[in-house]
Amino acid sequence: MSRATDVTLTASSHFQRNFNDALKAYKKLTKNDLLTHPLAAQLETCDSPSAIRLVLQEQILLNRSSISDEINERLTMWLGPTVNVLYTLSNTLGQSVSLVWFRTWDRLRPTHSS
């Protein structure tokens, strides 16, 4: 494996571990599993940043009465850039893991000679 691939795999592993730890900590603190939340199911079907923003903007609108206008404006203002960064990061890490997996699999896969 190349040095760049090793570094990417290590970064992806650390990110995944940290994300899983954060999910566990949230569940321990709130007694709620974010992965089974209905919003998670909606977000899982999104295939672009704009689709994610639409789902989240809908949530902001649904909860508009429970938050101040100032907070609503801040959420809306930060939503686009935040979703774009997280989506790009997720895609980059996901592709890196996939590329590493396929390269490793190609090396480990038995070749059949006839």
N, C-alpha and C. Protein backbone atom coordinates (compact mmCIF):
# COMPACT_ATOMS: atom_id res chain seq x y z
N MET A 1 0.83 -1.17 0.00
CA MET A 1 0.00 0.00 0.00
C MET A 1 0.88 1.24 0.00
N SER A 2 0.48 2.27 -0.71
CA SER A 2 1.27 3.48 -0.76
C SER A 2 1.12 4.27 0.53
N ARG A 3 2.04 5.16 0.76
CA ARG A 3 2.02 6.00 1.96
C ARG A 3 0.74 6.84 2.01
N ALA A 4 0.34 7.42 0.87
CA ALA A 4 -0.87 8.24 0.83
C ALA A 4 -2.09 7.41 1.18
N THR A 5 -2.15 6.18 0.69
CA THR A 5 -3.28 5.30 0.99
C THR A 5 -3.30 4.95 2.47
N ASP A 6 -2.14 4.68 3.05
CA ASP A 6 -2.05 4.39 4.49
C ASP A 6 -2.57 5.55 5.32
N VAL A 7 -2.15 6.77 4.96
CA VAL A 7 -2.56 7.96 5.69
C VAL A 7 -4.07 8.16 5.56
N THR A 8 -4.60 7.99 4.36
CA THR A 8 -6.04 8.16 4.13
C THR A 8 -6.83 7.13 4.91
N LEU A 9 -6.39 5.88 4.90
CA LEU A 9 -7.08 4.83 5.64
C LEU A 9 -7.05 5.11 7.13
N THR A 10 -5.91 5.57 7.64
CA THR A 10 -5.79 5.90 9.05
C THR A 10 -6.73 7.04 9.42
N ALA A 11 -6.78 8.08 8.61
CA ALA A 11 -7.67 9.21 8.87
C ALA A 11 -9.13 8.75 8.85
N SER A 12 -9.48 7.92 7.89
CA SER A 12 -10.84 7.40 7.79
C SER A 12 -11.20 6.56 9.01
N SER A 13 -10.27 5.74 9.46
CA SER A 13 -10.50 4.89 10.63
C SER A 13 -10.71 5.74 11.88
N HIS A 14 -9.88 6.76 12.04
CA HIS A 14 -10.01 7.65 13.20
C HIS A 14 -11.33 8.40 13.15
N PHE A 15 -11.70 8.89 11.98
CA PHE A 15 -12.97 9.61 11.84
C PHE A 15 -14.14 8.69 12.20
N GLN A 16 -14.13 7.47 11.66
CA GLN A 16 -15.22 6.53 11.93
C GLN A 16 -15.29 6.19 13.41
N ARG A 17 -14.15 5.97 14.03
CA ARG A 17 -14.11 5.65 15.46
C ARG A 17 -14.65 6.82 16.28
N ASN A 18 -14.21 8.04 15.94
CA ASN A 18 -14.69 9.23 16.67
C ASN A 18 -16.18 9.43 16.48
N PHE A 19 -16.66 9.20 15.27
CA PHE A 19 -18.09 9.34 15.00
C PHE A 19 -18.89 8.32 15.80
N ASN A 20 -18.43 7.08 15.82
CA ASN A 20 -19.11 6.04 16.60
C ASN A 20 -19.09 6.35 18.09
N ASP A 21 -17.96 6.87 18.58
CA ASP A 21 -17.87 7.26 19.99
C ASP A 21 -18.85 8.39 20.31
N ALA A 22 -18.97 9.33 19.39
CA ALA A 22 -19.91 10.45 19.60
C ALA A 22 -21.35 9.94 19.63
N LEU A 23 -21.69 9.00 18.75
CA LEU A 23 -23.03 8.42 18.76
C LEU A 23 -23.32 7.71 20.08
N LYS A 24 -22.34 6.95 20.58
CA LYS A 24 -22.50 6.24 21.86
C LYS A 24 -22.67 7.23 23.01
N ALA A 25 -21.85 8.28 23.01
CA ALA A 25 -21.93 9.28 24.08
C ALA A 25 -23.28 9.99 24.07
N TYR A 26 -23.77 10.31 22.87
CA TYR A 26 -25.08 10.96 22.75
C TYR A 26 -26.18 10.04 23.28
N LYS A 27 -26.09 8.76 22.91
CA LYS A 27 -27.10 7.81 23.36
C LYS A 27 -27.06 7.65 24.88
N LYS A 28 -25.86 7.59 25.44
CA LYS A 28 -25.72 7.46 26.89
C LYS A 28 -26.29 8.68 27.60
N LEU A 29 -26.02 9.85 27.08
CA LEU A 29 -26.45 11.09 27.69
C LEU A 29 -27.96 11.32 27.56
N THR A 30 -28.51 11.02 26.38
CA THR A 30 -29.91 11.36 26.11
C THR A 30 -30.87 10.17 26.13
N LYS A 31 -30.31 8.96 26.13
CA LYS A 31 -31.11 7.72 26.03
C LYS A 31 -31.82 7.62 24.67
N ASN A 32 -31.33 8.36 23.69
CA ASN A 32 -31.88 8.33 22.33
C ASN A 32 -30.80 7.88 21.35
N ASP A 33 -31.17 6.99 20.46
CA ASP A 33 -30.25 6.51 19.43
C ASP A 33 -30.47 7.34 18.17
N LEU A 34 -29.49 8.15 17.81
CA LEU A 34 -29.64 9.01 16.64
C LEU A 34 -29.84 8.21 15.35
N LEU A 35 -29.28 7.02 15.29
CA LEU A 35 -29.40 6.23 14.06
C LEU A 35 -30.80 5.69 13.82
N THR A 36 -31.63 5.64 14.87
CA THR A 36 -33.01 5.17 14.70
C THR A 36 -34.01 6.32 14.68
N HIS A 37 -33.52 7.54 14.75
CA HIS A 37 -34.39 8.71 14.71
C HIS A 37 -34.99 8.84 13.31
N PRO A 38 -36.26 9.21 13.20
CA PRO A 38 -36.88 9.36 11.87
C PRO A 38 -36.14 10.32 10.95
N LEU A 39 -35.53 11.34 11.51
CA LEU A 39 -34.77 12.28 10.68
C LEU A 39 -33.56 11.60 10.04
N ALA A 40 -32.95 10.66 10.76
CA ALA A 40 -31.80 9.92 10.20
C ALA A 40 -32.23 9.14 8.97
N ALA A 41 -33.42 8.55 9.02
CA ALA A 41 -33.92 7.80 7.87
C ALA A 41 -34.14 8.73 6.67
N GLN A 42 -34.66 9.92 6.95
CA GLN A 42 -34.85 10.90 5.87
C GLN A 42 -33.52 11.33 5.27
N LEU A 43 -32.55 11.60 6.13
CA LEU A 43 -31.25 12.07 5.65
C LEU A 43 -30.51 10.98 4.89
N GLU A 44 -30.74 9.75 5.27
CA GLU A 44 -30.07 8.63 4.60
C GLU A 44 -30.45 8.51 3.13
N THR A 45 -31.63 8.98 2.79
CA THR A 45 -32.08 8.90 1.39
C THR A 45 -31.57 10.05 0.55
N CYS A 46 -30.96 11.05 1.18
CA CYS A 46 -30.47 12.22 0.45
C CYS A 46 -29.20 11.87 -0.33
N ASP A 47 -29.14 12.36 -1.56
CA ASP A 47 -27.99 12.06 -2.41
C ASP A 47 -27.21 13.29 -2.83
N SER A 48 -27.51 14.43 -2.20
CA SER A 48 -26.80 15.66 -2.54
C SER A 48 -26.92 16.64 -1.37
N PRO A 49 -26.03 17.62 -1.33
CA PRO A 49 -26.14 18.64 -0.28
C PRO A 49 -27.47 19.38 -0.33
N SER A 50 -27.98 19.65 -1.52
CA SER A 50 -29.23 20.38 -1.62
C SER A 50 -30.40 19.56 -1.07
N ALA A 51 -30.37 18.26 -1.26
CA ALA A 51 -31.43 17.40 -0.70
C ALA A 51 -31.36 17.40 0.82
N ILE A 52 -30.15 17.37 1.36
CA ILE A 52 -29.97 17.42 2.82
C ILE A 52 -30.47 18.75 3.36
N ARG A 53 -30.10 19.84 2.69
CA ARG A 53 -30.54 21.17 3.13
C ARG A 53 -32.06 21.28 3.15
N LEU A 54 -32.72 20.71 2.15
CA LEU A 54 -34.19 20.75 2.11
C LEU A 54 -34.80 20.06 3.33
N VAL A 55 -34.27 18.89 3.66
CA VAL A 55 -34.78 18.15 4.82
C VAL A 55 -34.57 18.96 6.09
N LEU A 56 -33.37 19.52 6.24
CA LEU A 56 -33.07 20.27 7.46
C LEU A 56 -33.83 21.60 7.52
N GLN A 57 -34.01 22.25 6.39
CA GLN A 57 -34.80 23.49 6.37
C GLN A 57 -36.25 23.21 6.76
N GLU A 58 -36.75 22.07 6.33
CA GLU A 58 -38.10 21.67 6.72
C GLU A 58 -38.20 21.52 8.24
N GLN A 59 -37.17 20.94 8.83
CA GLN A 59 -37.13 20.79 10.29
C GLN A 59 -37.10 22.15 10.99
N ILE A 60 -36.33 23.08 10.43
CA ILE A 60 -36.27 24.43 11.00
C ILE A 60 -37.65 25.07 10.94
N LEU A 61 -38.32 24.93 9.81
CA LEU A 61 -39.66 25.50 9.67
C LEU A 61 -40.66 24.85 10.63
N LEU A 62 -40.57 23.53 10.80
CA LEU A 62 -41.48 22.84 11.71
C LEU A 62 -41.28 23.27 13.15
N ASN A 63 -40.05 23.62 13.50
CA ASN A 63 -39.73 24.01 14.87
C ASN A 63 -39.65 25.52 15.05
N ARG A 64 -40.10 26.24 14.06
CA ARG A 64 -39.98 27.71 14.08
C ARG A 64 -40.60 28.32 15.33
N SER A 65 -41.71 27.79 15.77
CA SER A 65 -42.40 28.38 16.92
C SER A 65 -41.63 28.18 18.23
N SER A 66 -40.76 27.16 18.28
CA SER A 66 -40.05 26.88 19.52
C SER A 66 -38.68 27.56 19.61
N ILE A 67 -38.29 28.26 18.54
CA ILE A 67 -37.00 28.96 18.57
C ILE A 67 -37.21 30.42 18.17
N SER A 68 -36.32 31.26 18.65
CA SER A 68 -36.45 32.69 18.34
C SER A 68 -36.10 32.95 16.88
N ASP A 69 -36.54 34.09 16.39
CA ASP A 69 -36.24 34.47 15.01
C ASP A 69 -34.74 34.60 14.78
N GLU A 70 -34.04 35.11 15.80
CA GLU A 70 -32.59 35.28 15.67
C GLU A 70 -31.90 33.93 15.50
N ILE A 71 -32.28 32.95 16.30
CA ILE A 71 -31.70 31.61 16.18
C ILE A 71 -32.09 30.99 14.86
N ASN A 72 -33.33 31.17 14.43
CA ASN A 72 -33.80 30.65 13.16
C ASN A 72 -32.96 31.22 12.01
N GLU A 73 -32.66 32.52 12.05
CA GLU A 73 -31.84 33.14 11.01
C GLU A 73 -30.42 32.59 11.02
N ARG A 74 -29.85 32.40 12.21
CA ARG A 74 -28.51 31.85 12.30
C ARG A 74 -28.45 30.43 11.76
N LEU A 75 -29.44 29.61 12.13
CA LEU A 75 -29.48 28.24 11.64
C LEU A 75 -29.55 28.21 10.12
N THR A 76 -30.41 29.02 9.58
CA THR A 76 -30.58 29.07 8.13
C THR A 76 -29.31 29.56 7.44
N MET A 77 -28.64 30.57 8.04
CA MET A 77 -27.43 31.13 7.44
C MET A 77 -26.29 30.11 7.42
N TRP A 78 -26.14 29.32 8.47
CA TRP A 78 -25.05 28.37 8.58
C TRP A 78 -25.36 27.01 7.96
N LEU A 79 -26.59 26.77 7.64
CA LEU A 79 -27.00 25.46 7.15
C LEU A 79 -26.28 25.06 5.86
N GLY A 80 -26.31 25.91 4.86
CA GLY A 80 -25.71 25.59 3.57
C GLY A 80 -24.22 25.28 3.65
N PRO A 81 -23.42 26.20 4.20
CA PRO A 81 -21.98 25.93 4.29
C PRO A 81 -21.65 24.70 5.14
N THR A 82 -22.37 24.51 6.23
CA THR A 82 -22.11 23.36 7.10
C THR A 82 -22.41 22.06 6.38
N VAL A 83 -23.55 22.00 5.72
CA VAL A 83 -23.92 20.78 4.98
C VAL A 83 -22.91 20.51 3.88
N ASN A 84 -22.48 21.55 3.17
CA ASN A 84 -21.51 21.36 2.09
C ASN A 84 -20.20 20.78 2.60
N VAL A 85 -19.70 21.32 3.70
CA VAL A 85 -18.44 20.83 4.27
C VAL A 85 -18.58 19.39 4.73
N LEU A 86 -19.64 19.10 5.48
CA LEU A 86 -19.83 17.74 5.99
C LEU A 86 -20.06 16.73 4.87
N TYR A 87 -20.80 17.12 3.85
CA TYR A 87 -21.06 16.23 2.72
C TYR A 87 -19.76 15.92 1.97
N THR A 88 -18.96 16.95 1.75
CA THR A 88 -17.68 16.77 1.06
C THR A 88 -16.75 15.89 1.88
N LEU A 89 -16.67 16.16 3.17
CA LEU A 89 -15.83 15.34 4.05
C LEU A 89 -16.28 13.89 4.05
N SER A 90 -17.57 13.69 4.16
CA SER A 90 -18.11 12.33 4.16
C SER A 90 -17.81 11.61 2.86
N ASN A 91 -18.01 12.30 1.75
CA ASN A 91 -17.72 11.69 0.44
C ASN A 91 -16.25 11.37 0.29
N THR A 92 -15.40 12.29 0.70
CA THR A 92 -13.96 12.08 0.57
C THR A 92 -13.51 10.88 1.39
N LEU A 93 -13.94 10.83 2.62
CA LEU A 93 -13.55 9.70 3.47
C LEU A 93 -14.16 8.40 2.97
N GLY A 94 -15.40 8.46 2.54
CA GLY A 94 -16.06 7.26 2.03
C GLY A 94 -15.39 6.72 0.79
N GLN A 95 -15.01 7.60 -0.13
CA GLN A 95 -14.34 7.17 -1.36
C GLN A 95 -12.96 6.62 -1.04
N SER A 96 -12.29 7.23 -0.09
CA SER A 96 -10.95 6.76 0.28
C SER A 96 -11.01 5.35 0.82
N VAL A 97 -11.97 5.12 1.69
CA VAL A 97 -12.12 3.78 2.26
C VAL A 97 -12.46 2.79 1.16
N SER A 98 -13.35 3.18 0.25
CA SER A 98 -13.71 2.28 -0.84
C SER A 98 -12.52 1.98 -1.73
N LEU A 99 -11.74 3.02 -2.07
CA LEU A 99 -10.58 2.80 -2.93
C LEU A 99 -9.57 1.89 -2.24
N VAL A 100 -9.34 2.11 -0.97
CA VAL A 100 -8.40 1.27 -0.24
C VAL A 100 -8.92 -0.16 -0.21
N TRP A 101 -10.19 -0.34 0.05
CA TRP A 101 -10.77 -1.67 0.11
C TRP A 101 -10.59 -2.40 -1.22
N PHE A 102 -10.92 -1.72 -2.34
CA PHE A 102 -10.80 -2.38 -3.63
C PHE A 102 -9.35 -2.70 -3.98
N ARG A 103 -8.44 -1.79 -3.66
CA ARG A 103 -7.03 -2.05 -3.95
C ARG A 103 -6.53 -3.23 -3.11
N THR A 104 -6.91 -3.25 -1.84
CA THR A 104 -6.50 -4.35 -0.97
C THR A 104 -7.12 -5.65 -1.44
N TRP A 105 -8.37 -5.62 -1.79
CA TRP A 105 -9.08 -6.82 -2.25
C TRP A 105 -8.42 -7.37 -3.52
N ASP A 106 -8.05 -6.48 -4.45
CA ASP A 106 -7.39 -6.92 -5.68
C ASP A 106 -6.10 -7.66 -5.38
N ARG A 107 -5.37 -7.21 -4.37
CA ARG A 107 -4.10 -7.86 -4.01
C ARG A 107 -4.34 -9.19 -3.31
N LEU A 108 -5.39 -9.26 -2.51
CA LEU A 108 -5.64 -10.46 -1.72
C LEU A 108 -6.44 -11.51 -2.46
N ARG A 109 -7.16 -11.08 -3.49
CA ARG A 109 -8.02 -11.99 -4.22
C ARG A 109 -7.20 -13.09 -4.90
N PRO A 110 -7.60 -14.33 -4.69
CA PRO A 110 -6.85 -15.43 -5.33
C PRO A 110 -7.03 -15.38 -6.85
N THR A 111 -5.98 -15.67 -7.55
CA THR A 111 -6.06 -15.76 -9.02
C THR A 111 -6.12 -17.22 -9.39
N HIS A 112 -6.98 -17.52 -10.30
CA HIS A 112 -7.14 -18.91 -10.74
C HIS A 112 -6.42 -19.09 -12.07
N SER A 113 -5.53 -20.02 -12.09
CA SER A 113 -4.85 -20.29 -13.36
C SER A 113 -5.45 -21.56 -13.97
N SER A 114 -5.61 -21.53 -15.27
CA SER A 114 -6.23 -22.69 -15.93
C SER A 114 -5.18 -23.53 -16.58
